[in-house]
Amino acid sequence: TTNYADSVKGRFTISRDNAKNTAYLQMNSLK
């Protein structure tokens, strides 16, 4: 389950790989 600050909704995507204990933040349309 994901949640985002209003300022980044639609531009940022958080994800995770549980097997690798790793989280990612894809940031698009950066300002």
ModelCIF file with pLDDT and N, C-alpha, C, O atoms, coordinates in Angstrom:
data_MODEL
#
_entry.id   MODEL 
#
_entity.id                         1 
_entity.type                       polymer 
_entity.pdbx_number_of_molecules   1 
#
_entity_poly.entity_id                      1 
_entity_poly.type                           'polypeptide(L)' 
_entity_poly.nstd_linkage                   no 
_entity_poly.nstd_monomer                   no 
_entity_poly.pdbx_seq_one_letter_code       TTNYADSVKGRFTISRDNAKNTAYLQMNSLK 
_entity_poly.pdbx_seq_one_letter_code_can   TTNYADSVKGRFTISRDNAKNTAYLQMNSLK 
_entity_poly.pdbx_strand_id                 A 
#
loop_
_entity_poly_seq.entity_id 
_entity_poly_seq.num 
_entity_poly_seq.mon_id 
_entity_poly_seq.hetero 
1 1  THR n 
1 2  THR n 
1 3  ASN n 
1 4  TYR n 
1 5  ALA n 
1 6  ASP n 
1 7  SER n 
1 8  VAL n 
1 9  LYS n 
1 10 GLY n 
1 11 ARG n 
1 12 PHE n 
1 13 THR n 
1 14 ILE n 
1 15 SER n 
1 16 ARG n 
1 17 ASP n 
1 18 ASN n 
1 19 ALA n 
1 20 LYS n 
1 21 ASN n 
1 22 THR n 
1 23 ALA n 
1 24 TYR n 
1 25 LEU n 
1 26 GLN n 
1 27 MET n 
1 28 ASN n 
1 29 SER n 
1 30 LEU n 
1 31 LYS n 
#
_struct_asym.id          A 
_struct_asym.entity_id   1 
#
loop_
_ma_qa_metric.id 
_ma_qa_metric.mode 
_ma_qa_metric.name 
_ma_qa_metric.software_group_id 
_ma_qa_metric.type 
1 global pLDDT . pLDDT 
2 local  pLDDT . pLDDT 
#
_ma_qa_metric_global.metric_id      1 
_ma_qa_metric_global.metric_value   96.26 
_ma_qa_metric_global.model_id       1 
_ma_qa_metric_global.ordinal_id     1 
#
loop_
_ma_qa_metric_local.label_asym_id 
_ma_qa_metric_local.label_comp_id 
_ma_qa_metric_local.label_seq_id 
_ma_qa_metric_local.metric_id 
_ma_qa_metric_local.metric_value 
_ma_qa_metric_local.model_id 
_ma_qa_metric_local.ordinal_id 
A THR 1  2 96.00 1 1  
A THR 2  2 97.00 1 2  
A ASN 3  2 97.00 1 3  
A TYR 4  2 98.00 1 4  
A ALA 5  2 98.00 1 5  
A ASP 6  2 98.00 1 6  
A SER 7  2 97.00 1 7  
A VAL 8  2 98.00 1 8  
A LYS 9  2 97.00 1 9  
A GLY 10 2 97.00 1 10 
A ARG 11 2 98.00 1 11 
A PHE 12 2 98.00 1 12 
A THR 13 2 98.00 1 13 
A ILE 14 2 98.00 1 14 
A SER 15 2 96.00 1 15 
A ARG 16 2 94.00 1 16 
A ASP 17 2 93.00 1 17 
A ASN 18 2 89.00 1 18 
A ALA 19 2 90.00 1 19 
A LYS 20 2 92.00 1 20 
A ASN 21 2 92.00 1 21 
A THR 22 2 95.00 1 22 
A ALA 23 2 95.00 1 23 
A TYR 24 2 97.00 1 24 
A LEU 25 2 98.00 1 25 
A GLN 26 2 98.00 1 26 
A MET 27 2 98.00 1 27 
A ASN 28 2 98.00 1 28 
A SER 29 2 98.00 1 29 
A LEU 30 2 98.00 1 30 
A LYS 31 2 98.00 1 31 
#
loop_
_atom_site.group_PDB 
_atom_site.id 
_atom_site.type_symbol 
_atom_site.label_atom_id 
_atom_site.label_alt_id 
_atom_site.label_comp_id 
_atom_site.label_asym_id 
_atom_site.label_entity_id 
_atom_site.label_seq_id 
_atom_site.pdbx_PDB_ins_code 
_atom_site.Cartn_x 
_atom_site.Cartn_y 
_atom_site.Cartn_z 
_atom_site.occupancy 
_atom_site.B_iso_or_equiv 
_atom_site.pdbx_formal_charge 
_atom_site.auth_seq_id 
_atom_site.auth_comp_id 
_atom_site.auth_asym_id 
_atom_site.auth_atom_id 
_atom_site.pdbx_PDB_model_num 
ATOM 1   N N  . THR A 1 1  ? 0.832  -1.193  0.000   1.00 96.00 ? 1  THR A N  1 
ATOM 2   C CA . THR A 1 1  ? 0.000  0.000   0.000   1.00 96.00 ? 1  THR A CA 1 
ATOM 3   C C  . THR A 1 1  ? 0.869  1.246   0.000   1.00 96.00 ? 1  THR A C  1 
ATOM 4   O O  . THR A 1 1  ? 1.824  1.340   0.771   1.00 96.00 ? 1  THR A O  1 
ATOM 5   N N  . THR A 1 2  ? 0.545  2.198   -0.856  1.00 97.00 ? 2  THR A N  1 
ATOM 6   C CA . THR A 1 2  ? 1.365  3.392   -1.016  1.00 97.00 ? 2  THR A CA 1 
ATOM 7   C C  . THR A 1 2  ? 0.588  4.652   -0.678  1.00 97.00 ? 2  THR A C  1 
ATOM 8   O O  . THR A 1 2  ? -0.637 4.700   -0.792  1.00 97.00 ? 2  THR A O  1 
ATOM 9   N N  . ASN A 1 3  ? 1.329  5.671   -0.259  1.00 97.00 ? 3  ASN A N  1 
ATOM 10  C CA . ASN A 1 3  ? 0.785  6.997   -0.012  1.00 97.00 ? 3  ASN A CA 1 
ATOM 11  C C  . ASN A 1 3  ? 1.799  8.025   -0.485  1.00 97.00 ? 3  ASN A C  1 
ATOM 12  O O  . ASN A 1 3  ? 3.007  7.795   -0.436  1.00 97.00 ? 3  ASN A O  1 
ATOM 13  N N  . TYR A 1 4  ? 1.286  9.167   -0.948  1.00 98.00 ? 4  TYR A N  1 
ATOM 14  C CA . TYR A 1 4  ? 2.137  10.209  -1.483  1.00 98.00 ? 4  TYR A CA 1 
ATOM 15  C C  . TYR A 1 4  ? 1.727  11.570  -0.959  1.00 98.00 ? 4  TYR A C  1 
ATOM 16  O O  . TYR A 1 4  ? 0.553  11.824  -0.692  1.00 98.00 ? 4  TYR A O  1 
ATOM 17  N N  . ALA A 1 5  ? 2.709  12.435  -0.817  1.00 98.00 ? 5  ALA A N  1 
ATOM 18  C CA . ALA A 1 5  ? 2.413  13.832  -0.551  1.00 98.00 ? 5  ALA A CA 1 
ATOM 19  C C  . ALA A 1 5  ? 1.719  14.431  -1.769  1.00 98.00 ? 5  ALA A C  1 
ATOM 20  O O  . ALA A 1 5  ? 2.001  14.047  -2.904  1.00 98.00 ? 5  ALA A O  1 
ATOM 21  N N  . ASP A 1 6  ? 0.815  15.368  -1.530  1.00 98.00 ? 6  ASP A N  1 
ATOM 22  C CA . ASP A 1 6  ? 0.078  15.972  -2.631  1.00 98.00 ? 6  ASP A CA 1 
ATOM 23  C C  . ASP A 1 6  ? 1.005  16.604  -3.670  1.00 98.00 ? 6  ASP A C  1 
ATOM 24  O O  . ASP A 1 6  ? 0.692  16.617  -4.860  1.00 98.00 ? 6  ASP A O  1 
ATOM 25  N N  . SER A 1 7  ? 2.118  17.114  -3.227  1.00 97.00 ? 7  SER A N  1 
ATOM 26  C CA . SER A 1 7  ? 3.025  17.808  -4.117  1.00 97.00 ? 7  SER A CA 1 
ATOM 27  C C  . SER A 1 7  ? 3.697  16.897  -5.138  1.00 97.00 ? 7  SER A C  1 
ATOM 28  O O  . SER A 1 7  ? 4.229  17.381  -6.137  1.00 97.00 ? 7  SER A O  1 
ATOM 29  N N  . VAL A 1 8  ? 3.680  15.590  -4.904  1.00 98.00 ? 8  VAL A N  1 
ATOM 30  C CA . VAL A 1 8  ? 4.366  14.666  -5.808  1.00 98.00 ? 8  VAL A CA 1 
ATOM 31  C C  . VAL A 1 8  ? 3.434  13.654  -6.450  1.00 98.00 ? 8  VAL A C  1 
ATOM 32  O O  . VAL A 1 8  ? 3.880  12.844  -7.262  1.00 98.00 ? 8  VAL A O  1 
ATOM 33  N N  . LYS A 1 9  ? 2.167  13.679  -6.113  1.00 97.00 ? 9  LYS A N  1 
ATOM 34  C CA . LYS A 1 9  ? 1.219  12.729  -6.690  1.00 97.00 ? 9  LYS A CA 1 
ATOM 35  C C  . LYS A 1 9  ? 1.184  12.848  -8.208  1.00 97.00 ? 9  LYS A C  1 
ATOM 36  O O  . LYS A 1 9  ? 1.137  13.943  -8.768  1.00 97.00 ? 9  LYS A O  1 
ATOM 37  N N  . GLY A 1 10 ? 1.206  11.704  -8.843  1.00 97.00 ? 10 GLY A N  1 
ATOM 38  C CA . GLY A 1 10 ? 1.192  11.668  -10.295 1.00 97.00 ? 10 GLY A CA 1 
ATOM 39  C C  . GLY A 1 10 ? 2.556  11.774  -10.924 1.00 97.00 ? 10 GLY A C  1 
ATOM 40  O O  . GLY A 1 10 ? 2.702  11.524  -12.121 1.00 97.00 ? 10 GLY A O  1 
ATOM 41  N N  . ARG A 1 11 ? 3.558  12.137  -10.152 1.00 98.00 ? 11 ARG A N  1 
ATOM 42  C CA . ARG A 1 11 ? 4.918  12.286  -10.669 1.00 98.00 ? 11 ARG A CA 1 
ATOM 43  C C  . ARG A 1 11 ? 5.892  11.280  -10.072 1.00 98.00 ? 11 ARG A C  1 
ATOM 44  O O  . ARG A 1 11 ? 6.795  10.809  -10.763 1.00 98.00 ? 11 ARG A O  1 
ATOM 45  N N  . PHE A 1 12 ? 5.718  10.947  -8.794  1.00 98.00 ? 12 PHE A N  1 
ATOM 46  C CA . PHE A 1 12 ? 6.618  10.031  -8.102  1.00 98.00 ? 12 PHE A CA 1 
ATOM 47  C C  . PHE A 1 12 ? 5.927  8.693   -7.883  1.00 98.00 ? 12 PHE A C  1 
ATOM 48  O O  . PHE A 1 12 ? 4.708  8.632   -7.718  1.00 98.00 ? 12 PHE A O  1 
ATOM 49  N N  . THR A 1 13 ? 6.711  7.627   -7.884  1.00 98.00 ? 13 THR A N  1 
ATOM 50  C CA . THR A 1 13 ? 6.204  6.299   -7.607  1.00 98.00 ? 13 THR A CA 1 
ATOM 51  C C  . THR A 1 13 ? 7.147  5.584   -6.658  1.00 98.00 ? 13 THR A C  1 
ATOM 52  O O  . THR A 1 13 ? 8.340  5.461   -6.938  1.00 98.00 ? 13 THR A O  1 
ATOM 53  N N  . ILE A 1 14 ? 6.622  5.113   -5.540  1.00 98.00 ? 14 ILE A N  1 
ATOM 54  C CA . ILE A 1 14 ? 7.408  4.342   -4.595  1.00 98.00 ? 14 ILE A CA 1 
ATOM 55  C C  . ILE A 1 14 ? 7.116  2.863   -4.800  1.00 98.00 ? 14 ILE A C  1 
ATOM 56  O O  . ILE A 1 14 ? 5.975  2.481   -5.063  1.00 98.00 ? 14 ILE A O  1 
ATOM 57  N N  . SER A 1 15 ? 8.130  2.043   -4.682  1.00 96.00 ? 15 SER A N  1 
ATOM 58  C CA . SER A 1 15 ? 7.972  0.604   -4.815  1.00 96.00 ? 15 SER A CA 1 
ATOM 59  C C  . SER A 1 15 ? 8.983  -0.093  -3.920  1.00 96.00 ? 15 SER A C  1 
ATOM 60  O O  . SER A 1 15 ? 9.878  0.546   -3.367  1.00 96.00 ? 15 SER A O  1 
ATOM 61  N N  . ARG A 1 16 ? 8.840  -1.393  -3.781  1.00 94.00 ? 16 ARG A N  1 
ATOM 62  C CA . ARG A 1 16 ? 9.778  -2.142  -2.959  1.00 94.00 ? 16 ARG A CA 1 
ATOM 63  C C  . ARG A 1 16 ? 9.925  -3.558  -3.482  1.00 94.00 ? 16 ARG A C  1 
ATOM 64  O O  . ARG A 1 16 ? 9.012  -4.125  -4.082  1.00 94.00 ? 16 ARG A O  1 
ATOM 65  N N  . ASP A 1 17 ? 11.089 -4.105  -3.239  1.00 93.00 ? 17 ASP A N  1 
ATOM 66  C CA . ASP A 1 17 ? 11.397 -5.487  -3.556  1.00 93.00 ? 17 ASP A CA 1 
ATOM 67  C C  . ASP A 1 17 ? 11.708 -6.160  -2.227  1.00 93.00 ? 17 ASP A C  1 
ATOM 68  O O  . ASP A 1 17 ? 12.805 -6.008  -1.690  1.00 93.00 ? 17 ASP A O  1 
ATOM 69  N N  . ASN A 1 18 ? 10.758 -6.892  -1.707  1.00 89.00 ? 18 ASN A N  1 
ATOM 70  C CA . ASN A 1 18 ? 10.919 -7.488  -0.385  1.00 89.00 ? 18 ASN A CA 1 
ATOM 71  C C  . ASN A 1 18 ? 12.055 -8.502  -0.329  1.00 89.00 ? 18 ASN A C  1 
ATOM 72  O O  . ASN A 1 18 ? 12.731 -8.625  0.693   1.00 89.00 ? 18 ASN A O  1 
ATOM 73  N N  . ALA A 1 19 ? 12.266 -9.222  -1.411  1.00 90.00 ? 19 ALA A N  1 
ATOM 74  C CA . ALA A 1 19 ? 13.335 -10.206 -1.444  1.00 90.00 ? 19 ALA A CA 1 
ATOM 75  C C  . ALA A 1 19 ? 14.706 -9.551  -1.324  1.00 90.00 ? 19 ALA A C  1 
ATOM 76  O O  . ALA A 1 19 ? 15.644 -10.158 -0.806  1.00 90.00 ? 19 ALA A O  1 
ATOM 77  N N  . LYS A 1 20 ? 14.823 -8.327  -1.796  1.00 92.00 ? 20 LYS A N  1 
ATOM 78  C CA . LYS A 1 20 ? 16.083 -7.597  -1.749  1.00 92.00 ? 20 LYS A CA 1 
ATOM 79  C C  . LYS A 1 20 ? 16.145 -6.569  -0.635  1.00 92.00 ? 20 LYS A C  1 
ATOM 80  O O  . LYS A 1 20 ? 17.155 -5.881  -0.484  1.00 92.00 ? 20 LYS A O  1 
ATOM 81  N N  . ASN A 1 21 ? 15.073 -6.454  0.152   1.00 92.00 ? 21 ASN A N  1 
ATOM 82  C CA . ASN A 1 21 ? 14.995 -5.440  1.207   1.00 92.00 ? 21 ASN A CA 1 
ATOM 83  C C  . ASN A 1 21 ? 15.331 -4.056  0.665   1.00 92.00 ? 21 ASN A C  1 
ATOM 84  O O  . ASN A 1 21 ? 16.094 -3.302  1.268   1.00 92.00 ? 21 ASN A O  1 
ATOM 85  N N  . THR A 1 22 ? 14.752 -3.745  -0.469  1.00 95.00 ? 22 THR A N  1 
ATOM 86  C CA . THR A 1 22 ? 15.076 -2.510  -1.166  1.00 95.00 ? 22 THR A CA 1 
ATOM 87  C C  . THR A 1 22 ? 13.816 -1.744  -1.526  1.00 95.00 ? 22 THR A C  1 
ATOM 88  O O  . THR A 1 22 ? 12.815 -2.326  -1.943  1.00 95.00 ? 22 THR A O  1 
ATOM 89  N N  . ALA A 1 23 ? 13.879 -0.428  -1.360  1.00 95.00 ? 23 ALA A N  1 
ATOM 90  C CA . ALA A 1 23 ? 12.809 0.466   -1.782  1.00 95.00 ? 23 ALA A CA 1 
ATOM 91  C C  . ALA A 1 23 ? 13.323 1.380   -2.875  1.00 95.00 ? 23 ALA A C  1 
ATOM 92  O O  . ALA A 1 23 ? 14.517 1.672   -2.948  1.00 95.00 ? 23 ALA A O  1 
ATOM 93  N N  . TYR A 1 24 ? 12.419 1.827   -3.718  1.00 97.00 ? 24 TYR A N  1 
ATOM 94  C CA . TYR A 1 24 ? 12.763 2.697   -4.828  1.00 97.00 ? 24 TYR A CA 1 
ATOM 95  C C  . TYR A 1 24 ? 11.825 3.898   -4.845  1.00 97.00 ? 24 TYR A C  1 
ATOM 96  O O  . TYR A 1 24 ? 10.687 3.826   -4.380  1.00 97.00 ? 24 TYR A O  1 
ATOM 97  N N  . LEU A 1 25 ? 12.319 4.985   -5.382  1.00 98.00 ? 25 LEU A N  1 
ATOM 98  C CA . LEU A 1 25 ? 11.495 6.152   -5.627  1.00 98.00 ? 25 LEU A CA 1 
ATOM 99  C C  . LEU A 1 25 ? 11.776 6.634   -7.039  1.00 98.00 ? 25 LEU A C  1 
ATOM 100 O O  . LEU A 1 25 ? 12.822 7.225   -7.309  1.00 98.00 ? 25 LEU A O  1 
ATOM 101 N N  . GLN A 1 26 ? 10.835 6.375   -7.934  1.00 98.00 ? 26 GLN A N  1 
ATOM 102 C CA . GLN A 1 26 ? 10.935 6.859   -9.301  1.00 98.00 ? 26 GLN A CA 1 
ATOM 103 C C  . GLN A 1 26 ? 10.358 8.259   -9.351  1.00 98.00 ? 26 GLN A C  1 
ATOM 104 O O  . GLN A 1 26 ? 9.192  8.466   -9.017  1.00 98.00 ? 26 GLN A O  1 
ATOM 105 N N  . MET A 1 27 ? 11.165 9.217   -9.765  1.00 98.00 ? 27 MET A N  1 
ATOM 106 C CA . MET A 1 27 ? 10.762 10.614  -9.787  1.00 98.00 ? 27 MET A CA 1 
ATOM 107 C C  . MET A 1 27 ? 10.756 11.101  -11.227 1.00 98.00 ? 27 MET A C  1 
ATOM 108 O O  . MET A 1 27 ? 11.800 11.177  -11.875 1.00 98.00 ? 27 MET A O  1 
ATOM 109 N N  . ASN A 1 28 ? 9.577  11.427  -11.717 1.00 98.00 ? 28 ASN A N  1 
ATOM 110 C CA . ASN A 1 28 ? 9.407  11.928  -13.073 1.00 98.00 ? 28 ASN A CA 1 
ATOM 111 C C  . ASN A 1 28 ? 8.910  13.365  -13.046 1.00 98.00 ? 28 ASN A C  1 
ATOM 112 O O  . ASN A 1 28 ? 8.428  13.851  -12.023 1.00 98.00 ? 28 ASN A O  1 
ATOM 113 N N  . SER A 1 29 ? 9.033  14.031  -14.174 1.00 98.00 ? 29 SER A N  1 
ATOM 114 C CA . SER A 1 29 ? 8.573  15.413  -14.308 1.00 98.00 ? 29 SER A CA 1 
ATOM 115 C C  . SER A 1 29 ? 9.069  16.275  -13.160 1.00 98.00 ? 29 SER A C  1 
ATOM 116 O O  . SER A 1 29 ? 8.298  17.010  -12.543 1.00 98.00 ? 29 SER A O  1 
ATOM 117 N N  . LEU A 1 30 ? 10.346 16.181  -12.883 1.00 98.00 ? 30 LEU A N  1 
ATOM 118 C CA . LEU A 1 30 ? 10.919 16.880  -11.742 1.00 98.00 ? 30 LEU A CA 1 
ATOM 119 C C  . LEU A 1 30 ? 10.841 18.388  -11.906 1.00 98.00 ? 30 LEU A C  1 
ATOM 120 O O  . LEU A 1 30 ? 10.964 18.917  -13.011 1.00 98.00 ? 30 LEU A O  1 
ATOM 121 N N  . LYS A 1 31 ? 10.637 19.065  -10.795 1.00 98.00 ? 31 LYS A N  1 
ATOM 122 C CA . LYS A 1 31 ? 10.532 20.508  -10.734 1.00 98.00 ? 31 LYS A CA 1 
ATOM 123 C C  . LYS A 1 31 ? 11.628 21.060  -9.836  1.00 98.00 ? 31 LYS A C  1 
ATOM 124 O O  . LYS A 1 31 ? 11.719 22.273  -9.646  1.00 98.00 ? 31 LYS A O  1 
#
